[in-house]
C-alpha atoms as a PDB file:
ATOM      1  CA  MET A   1    -159.308-149.706 -39.250  1.00  0.00           C
ATOM      2  CA  ASP A   2    -157.236-151.082 -42.046  1.00  0.00           C
ATOM      3  CA  LEU A   3    -158.465-153.962 -44.378  1.00  0.00           C
ATOM      4  CA  LEU A   4    -156.749-156.735 -42.430  1.00  0.00           C
ATOM      5  CA  THR A   5    -158.635-155.813 -39.384  1.00  0.00           C
ATOM      6  CA  HIS A   6    -162.002-155.888 -41.299  1.00  0.00           C
ATOM      7  CA  LYS A   7    -161.177-159.309 -42.544  1.00  0.00           C
ATOM      8  CA  ASP A   8    -160.303-160.587 -39.013  1.00  0.00           C
ATOM      9  CA  ILE A   9    -163.549-159.354 -37.636  1.00  0.00           C
ATOM     10  CA  LYS A  10    -165.578-160.859 -40.510  1.00  0.00           C
ATOM     11  CA  PHE A  11    -163.534-164.145 -40.058  1.00  0.00           C
ATOM     12  CA  TYR A  12    -164.262-164.440 -36.210  1.00  0.00           C
ATOM     13  CA  PHE A  13    -167.851-163.277 -36.495  1.00  0.00           C
ATOM     14  CA  CYS A  14    -168.669-165.885 -39.151  1.00  0.00           C
ATOM     15  CA  THR A  15    -166.768-168.479 -37.103  1.00  0.00           C
ATOM     16  CA  LEU A  16    -168.946-167.710 -34.019  1.00  0.00           C
ATOM     17  CA  ILE A  17    -172.187-167.559 -35.880  1.00  0.00           C
ATOM     18  CA  GLY A  18    -171.219-170.880 -37.568  1.00  0.00           C
ATOM     19  CA  ALA A  19    -170.332-172.488 -34.375  1.00  0.00           C
ATOM     20  CA  ALA A  20    -173.627-171.312 -32.802  1.00  0.00           C
ATOM     21  CA  LEU A  21    -175.657-172.747 -35.758  1.00  0.00           C
ATOM     22  CA  LEU A  22    -173.878-175.890 -35.497  1.00  0.00           C
ATOM     23  CA  PHE A  23    -174.512-176.154 -31.725  1.00  0.00           C
ATOM     24  CA  THR A  24    -178.226-175.516 -32.199  1.00  0.00           C
ATOM     25  CA  ALA A  25    -178.478-178.022 -35.193  1.00  0.00           C
ATOM     26  CA  LEU A  26    -176.737-180.764 -32.975  1.00  0.00           C
ATOM     27  CA  PHE A  27    -178.585-180.384 -29.735  1.00  0.00           C
ATOM     28  CA  ILE A  28    -182.021-178.844 -30.400  1.00  0.00           C
ATOM     29  CA  PRO A  29    -184.324-181.231 -32.391  1.00  0.00           C
ATOM     30  CA  PRO A  30    -186.426-179.833 -35.390  1.00  0.00           C
ATOM     31  CA  VAL A  31    -190.062-178.760 -34.693  1.00  0.00           C
ATOM     32  CA  GLY A  32    -191.623-180.705 -37.526  1.00  0.00           C
ATOM     33  CA  VAL A  33    -190.990-182.975 -40.423  1.00  0.00           C
ATOM     34  CA  ILE A  34    -188.265-181.822 -42.702  1.00  0.00           C
ATOM     35  CA  GLU A  35    -189.245-182.478 -46.348  1.00  0.00           C
ATOM     36  CA  THR A  36    -186.909-184.274 -48.686  1.00  0.00           C
ATOM     37  CA  SER A  37    -186.988-181.230 -51.128  1.00  0.00           C
ATOM     38  CA  VAL A  38    -185.471-179.168 -48.283  1.00  0.00           C
ATOM     39  CA  LEU A  39    -182.850-181.727 -47.710  1.00  0.00           C
ATOM     40  CA  TYR A  40    -181.944-181.868 -51.207  1.00  0.00           C
ATOM     41  CA  GLY A  41    -181.773-178.145 -51.767  1.00  0.00           C
ATOM     42  CA  GLY A  42    -179.526-177.937 -48.476  1.00  0.00           C
ATOM     43  CA  ALA A  43    -177.290-180.637 -49.824  1.00  0.00           C
ATOM     44  CA  SER A  44    -177.013-178.827 -53.285  1.00  0.00           C
ATOM     45  CA  PHE A  45    -176.146-175.577 -51.727  1.00  0.00           C
ATOM     46  CA  LEU A  46    -173.450-177.309 -49.592  1.00  0.00           C
ATOM     47  CA  ILE A  47    -171.949-179.004 -52.686  1.00  0.00           C
ATOM     48  CA  LEU A  48    -171.974-175.768 -54.540  1.00  0.00           C
ATOM     49  CA  ALA A  49    -170.128-173.957 -51.523  1.00  0.00           C
ATOM     50  CA  GLY A  50    -167.735-176.668 -51.373  1.00  0.00           C
ATOM     51  CA  VAL A  51    -166.898-176.561 -55.089  1.00  0.00           C
ATOM     52  CA  VAL A  52    -166.396-172.737 -54.935  1.00  0.00           C
ATOM     53  CA  GLU A  53    -164.339-172.919 -51.870  1.00  0.00           C
ATOM     54  CA  GLY A  54    -162.288-175.716 -53.458  1.00  0.00           C
ATOM     55  CA  ALA A  55    -161.674-173.652 -56.547  1.00  0.00           C
ATOM     56  CA  ASP A  56    -160.714-170.628 -54.206  1.00  0.00           C
ATOM     57  CA  VAL A  57    -158.278-172.823 -52.263  1.00  0.00           C
ATOM     58  CA  LYS A  58    -156.733-174.104 -55.453  1.00  0.00           C
ATOM     59  CA  GLY A  59    -156.093-170.639 -56.565  1.00  0.00           C
ATOM     60  CA  ILE A  60    -154.442-169.613 -53.173  1.00  0.00           C
ATOM     61  CA  LEU A  61    -152.258-172.647 -53.163  1.00  0.00           C
ATOM     62  CA  ARG A  62    -151.014-171.868 -56.689  1.00  0.00           C
ATOM     63  CA  GLU A  63    -150.276-168.430 -55.619  1.00  0.00           C
ATOM     64  CA  ILE A  64    -148.217-169.524 -52.571  1.00  0.00           C
ATOM     65  CA  ARG A  65    -146.330-171.952 -54.750  1.00  0.00           C
ATOM     66  CA  LEU A  66    -145.411-169.101 -57.096  1.00  0.00           C
ATOM     67  CA  LEU A  67    -144.396-166.893 -54.408  1.00  0.00           C
ATOM     68  CA  ARG A  68    -142.242-169.497 -52.816  1.00  0.00           C
ATOM     69  CA  GLU A  69    -140.504-170.172 -56.302  1.00  0.00           C
ATOM     70  CA  GLN A  70    -139.855-166.269 -56.507  1.00  0.00           C
ATOM     71  CA  LYS A  71    -138.391-166.175 -53.122  1.00  0.00           C
ATOM     72  CA  LYS A  72    -136.148-169.038 -53.941  1.00  0.00           C
ATOM     73  CA  GLU A  73    -134.870-167.233 -57.021  1.00  0.00           C
ATOM     74  CA  ILE A  74    -134.242-164.104 -54.990  1.00  0.00           C
ATOM     75  CA  ILE A  75    -132.276-165.928 -52.417  1.00  0.00           C
ATOM     76  CA  GLN A  76    -130.177-167.732 -55.044  1.00  0.00           C
ATOM     77  CA  ASP A  77    -129.509-164.191 -56.850  1.00  0.00           C
ATOM     78  CA  GLN A  78    -128.405-162.919 -53.480  1.00  0.00           C
ATOM     79  CA  ILE A  79    -126.016-165.842 -52.704  1.00  0.00           C
ATOM     80  CA  LYS A  80    -124.723-165.493 -56.282  1.00  0.00           C
ATOM     81  CA  GLU A  81    -124.068-161.870 -55.807  1.00  0.00           C
ATOM     82  CA  LYS A  82    -122.222-162.500 -52.495  1.00  0.00           C
ATOM     83  CA  LYS A  83    -119.965-164.963 -54.147  1.00  0.00           C
ATOM     84  CA  ASP A  84    -119.210-162.622 -56.896  1.00  0.00           C
ATOM     85  CA  ASP A  85    -118.425-159.865 -54.392  1.00  0.00           C
ATOM     86  CA  GLU A  86    -116.114-162.123 -52.532  1.00  0.00           C
ATOM     87  CA  ASN A  87    -114.270-163.354 -55.711  1.00  0.00           C
ATOM     88  CA  ALA A  88    -113.654-159.750 -56.928  1.00  0.00           C
END
């Protein structure tokens, strides 16, 4: 299997596990009292995960923008070469 296939498998597996956890959290009540320290710890973890994911998305979007700019430059160079060939 190539790397892309492994990434796809991981993505679908994590999505399935996340959906299952969300379903159980929404429809099955907790067995006891949830302490506030656990809630604070969970919230802190989710905030940290959101910050890390946000930083990752920012880098990905920057790379996409750079690739688009490079693609535009390549297309403009190709158009310029075509015009030069036609004029010659």
